Amino acid sequence: MLLYNVTIQIAKDAETEWLHWMKTRHIPDVLLTGQFVEARISRLLDQPDDEDSTYVIQYQCESLEKFNYYIDVYATALREEFNQRYKDKFVLFRTLMEVVG
């Protein structure tokens, strides 16, 4: 099992709308690709109150082949929509991890 981990720091003035959009649109759209079996969104708790909020979205994927298919076929359009919608409102990085236990 693989975990596709997206860590994002979102501007406070966009956070409420962004979180709603992630839960109702973006994450469901990613899952509708059929390449992931589950998704979870979490918020980082140990950060100063005056900083933008940090979230982690984890998508579970059964194989590297499915993940690569997602990247090749779906990721560009989904990322483009995200980038246009929240331009200059976020910083993010992505990691791919293998579950070992």
C-alpha atoms as a PDB file:
ATOM      1  CA  MET A   1       0.000   0.000   0.000  1.00  0.00           C
ATOM      2  CA  LEU A   2       1.217   3.495  -0.859  1.00  0.00           C
ATOM      3  CA  LEU A   3       0.376   6.830   0.725  1.00  0.00           C
ATOM      4  CA  TYR A   4       0.361   9.888  -1.477  1.00  0.00           C
ATOM      5  CA  ASN A   5       0.874  12.707   0.993  1.00  0.00           C
ATOM      6  CA  VAL A   6       0.075  16.333   0.119  1.00  0.00           C
ATOM      7  CA  THR A   7       1.101  18.882   2.760  1.00  0.00           C
ATOM      8  CA  ILE A   8      -0.267  22.378   2.282  1.00  0.00           C
ATOM      9  CA  GLN A   9      -0.049  25.661   4.127  1.00  0.00           C
ATOM     10  CA  ILE A  10      -3.129  27.692   3.193  1.00  0.00           C
ATOM     11  CA  ALA A  11      -3.641  31.416   3.780  1.00  0.00           C
ATOM     12  CA  LYS A  12      -5.969  32.220   6.671  1.00  0.00           C
ATOM     13  CA  ASP A  13      -8.241  34.362   4.484  1.00  0.00           C
ATOM     14  CA  ALA A  14      -8.853  31.386   2.153  1.00  0.00           C
ATOM     15  CA  GLU A  15      -8.882  28.565   4.704  1.00  0.00           C
ATOM     16  CA  THR A  16     -12.618  28.159   5.377  1.00  0.00           C
ATOM     17  CA  GLU A  17     -13.623  28.183   1.719  1.00  0.00           C
ATOM     18  CA  TRP A  18     -10.618  26.021   0.755  1.00  0.00           C
ATOM     19  CA  LEU A  19     -11.443  23.367   3.367  1.00  0.00           C
ATOM     20  CA  HIS A  20     -15.065  23.198   2.203  1.00  0.00           C
ATOM     21  CA  TRP A  21     -13.954  22.926  -1.440  1.00  0.00           C
ATOM     22  CA  MET A  22     -11.419  20.224  -0.604  1.00  0.00           C
ATOM     23  CA  LYS A  23     -14.005  18.123   1.232  1.00  0.00           C
ATOM     24  CA  THR A  24     -16.829  18.562  -1.259  1.00  0.00           C
ATOM     25  CA  ARG A  25     -15.040  18.851  -4.606  1.00  0.00           C
ATOM     26  CA  HIS A  26     -11.300  18.231  -4.891  1.00  0.00           C
ATOM     27  CA  ILE A  27     -10.838  15.121  -2.738  1.00  0.00           C
ATOM     28  CA  PRO A  28     -13.985  13.486  -4.194  1.00  0.00           C
ATOM     29  CA  ASP A  29     -12.688  14.293  -7.707  1.00  0.00           C
ATOM     30  CA  VAL A  30      -9.348  12.633  -6.915  1.00  0.00           C
ATOM     31  CA  LEU A  31     -11.135   9.556  -5.562  1.00  0.00           C
ATOM     32  CA  LEU A  32     -13.389   9.425  -8.642  1.00  0.00           C
ATOM     33  CA  THR A  33     -10.294   8.751 -10.757  1.00  0.00           C
ATOM     34  CA  GLY A  34     -10.446   5.219  -9.350  1.00  0.00           C
ATOM     35  CA  GLN A  35      -6.733   5.188  -8.543  1.00  0.00           C
ATOM     36  CA  PHE A  36      -7.055   5.658  -4.770  1.00  0.00           C
ATOM     37  CA  VAL A  37      -9.050   3.649  -2.252  1.00  0.00           C
ATOM     38  CA  GLU A  38      -9.326   6.204   0.541  1.00  0.00           C
ATOM     39  CA  ALA A  39      -8.448   9.768   1.496  1.00  0.00           C
ATOM     40  CA  ARG A  40      -8.009  11.551   4.792  1.00  0.00           C
ATOM     41  CA  ILE A  41      -7.474  15.219   5.618  1.00  0.00           C
ATOM     42  CA  SER A  42      -5.802  16.347   8.837  1.00  0.00           C
ATOM     43  CA  ARG A  43      -4.822  19.710  10.312  1.00  0.00           C
ATOM     44  CA  LEU A  44      -1.496  20.308  12.018  1.00  0.00           C
ATOM     45  CA  LEU A  45      -2.075  21.323  15.648  1.00  0.00           C
ATOM     46  CA  ASP A  46       1.362  22.371  16.860  1.00  0.00           C
ATOM     47  CA  GLN A  47       1.867  25.657  15.037  1.00  0.00           C
ATOM     48  CA  PRO A  48       1.648  29.287  16.148  1.00  0.00           C
ATOM     49  CA  ASP A  49      -1.801  30.895  16.013  1.00  0.00           C
ATOM     50  CA  ASP A  50      -0.547  33.775  13.882  1.00  0.00           C
ATOM     51  CA  GLU A  51       0.665  31.500  11.055  1.00  0.00           C
ATOM     52  CA  ASP A  52      -1.341  30.152   8.146  1.00  0.00           C
ATOM     53  CA  SER A  53      -2.834  26.717   8.793  1.00  0.00           C
ATOM     54  CA  THR A  54      -1.136  23.556   7.625  1.00  0.00           C
ATOM     55  CA  TYR A  55      -3.060  20.507   6.429  1.00  0.00           C
ATOM     56  CA  VAL A  56      -2.070  17.049   5.251  1.00  0.00           C
ATOM     57  CA  ILE A  57      -4.148  15.112   2.755  1.00  0.00           C
ATOM     58  CA  GLN A  58      -3.309  11.421   2.493  1.00  0.00           C
ATOM     59  CA  TYR A  59      -4.539   9.288  -0.380  1.00  0.00           C
ATOM     60  CA  GLN A  60      -4.177   5.503  -0.144  1.00  0.00           C
ATOM     61  CA  CYS A  61      -3.139   3.771  -3.346  1.00  0.00           C
ATOM     62  CA  GLU A  62      -2.852   0.023  -3.950  1.00  0.00           C
ATOM     63  CA  SER A  63       0.098   0.084  -6.351  1.00  0.00           C
ATOM     64  CA  LEU A  64       2.758   2.173  -8.019  1.00  0.00           C
ATOM     65  CA  GLU A  65       1.095   1.436 -11.355  1.00  0.00           C
ATOM     66  CA  LYS A  66      -2.161   3.021 -10.197  1.00  0.00           C
ATOM     67  CA  PHE A  67      -0.308   6.014  -8.777  1.00  0.00           C
ATOM     68  CA  ASN A  68       1.640   6.526 -12.004  1.00  0.00           C
ATOM     69  CA  TYR A  69      -1.582   6.243 -13.999  1.00  0.00           C
ATOM     70  CA  TYR A  70      -3.107   8.973 -11.802  1.00  0.00           C
ATOM     71  CA  ILE A  71      -0.067  11.209 -12.398  1.00  0.00           C
ATOM     72  CA  ASP A  72      -0.032  10.560 -16.148  1.00  0.00           C
ATOM     73  CA  VAL A  73      -3.772  10.881 -16.824  1.00  0.00           C
ATOM     74  CA  TYR A  74      -5.437  12.979 -14.105  1.00  0.00           C
ATOM     75  CA  ALA A  75      -2.988  14.985 -12.004  1.00  0.00           C
ATOM     76  CA  THR A  76      -2.282  17.834 -14.421  1.00  0.00           C
ATOM     77  CA  ALA A  77      -5.923  18.910 -14.792  1.00  0.00           C
ATOM     78  CA  LEU A  78      -6.685  18.562 -11.068  1.00  0.00           C
ATOM     79  CA  ARG A  79      -3.573  20.508 -10.105  1.00  0.00           C
ATOM     80  CA  GLU A  80      -4.327  23.213 -12.666  1.00  0.00           C
ATOM     81  CA  GLU A  81      -7.812  23.736 -11.228  1.00  0.00           C
ATOM     82  CA  PHE A  82      -6.359  23.909  -7.723  1.00  0.00           C
ATOM     83  CA  ASN A  83      -3.617  26.340  -8.742  1.00  0.00           C
ATOM     84  CA  GLN A  84      -6.010  28.670 -10.534  1.00  0.00           C
ATOM     85  CA  ARG A  85      -8.481  28.660  -7.677  1.00  0.00           C
ATOM     86  CA  TYR A  86      -5.955  29.343  -4.895  1.00  0.00           C
ATOM     87  CA  LYS A  87      -3.172  31.178  -6.723  1.00  0.00           C
ATOM     88  CA  ASP A  88      -0.803  32.932  -4.276  1.00  0.00           C
ATOM     89  CA  LYS A  89      -2.741  31.493  -1.302  1.00  0.00           C
ATOM     90  CA  PHE A  90      -0.768  28.314  -0.599  1.00  0.00           C
ATOM     91  CA  VAL A  91       2.544  26.525  -0.393  1.00  0.00           C
ATOM     92  CA  LEU A  92       2.585  22.758  -0.751  1.00  0.00           C
ATOM     93  CA  PHE A  93       4.753  19.734  -1.261  1.00  0.00           C
ATOM     94  CA  ARG A  94       3.969  16.178  -2.204  1.00  0.00           C
ATOM     95  CA  THR A  95       5.541  12.901  -1.097  1.00  0.00           C
ATOM     96  CA  LEU A  96       4.911   9.271  -1.944  1.00  0.00           C
ATOM     97  CA  MET A  97       5.449   6.750   0.833  1.00  0.00           C
ATOM     98  CA  GLU A  98       5.242   2.985   1.131  1.00  0.00           C
ATOM     99  CA  VAL A  99       3.418   1.517   4.135  1.00  0.00           C
ATOM    100  CA  VAL A 100       5.802  -0.994   5.722  1.00  0.00           C
ATOM    101  CA  GLY A 101       3.825  -2.298   8.653  1.00  0.00           C
END
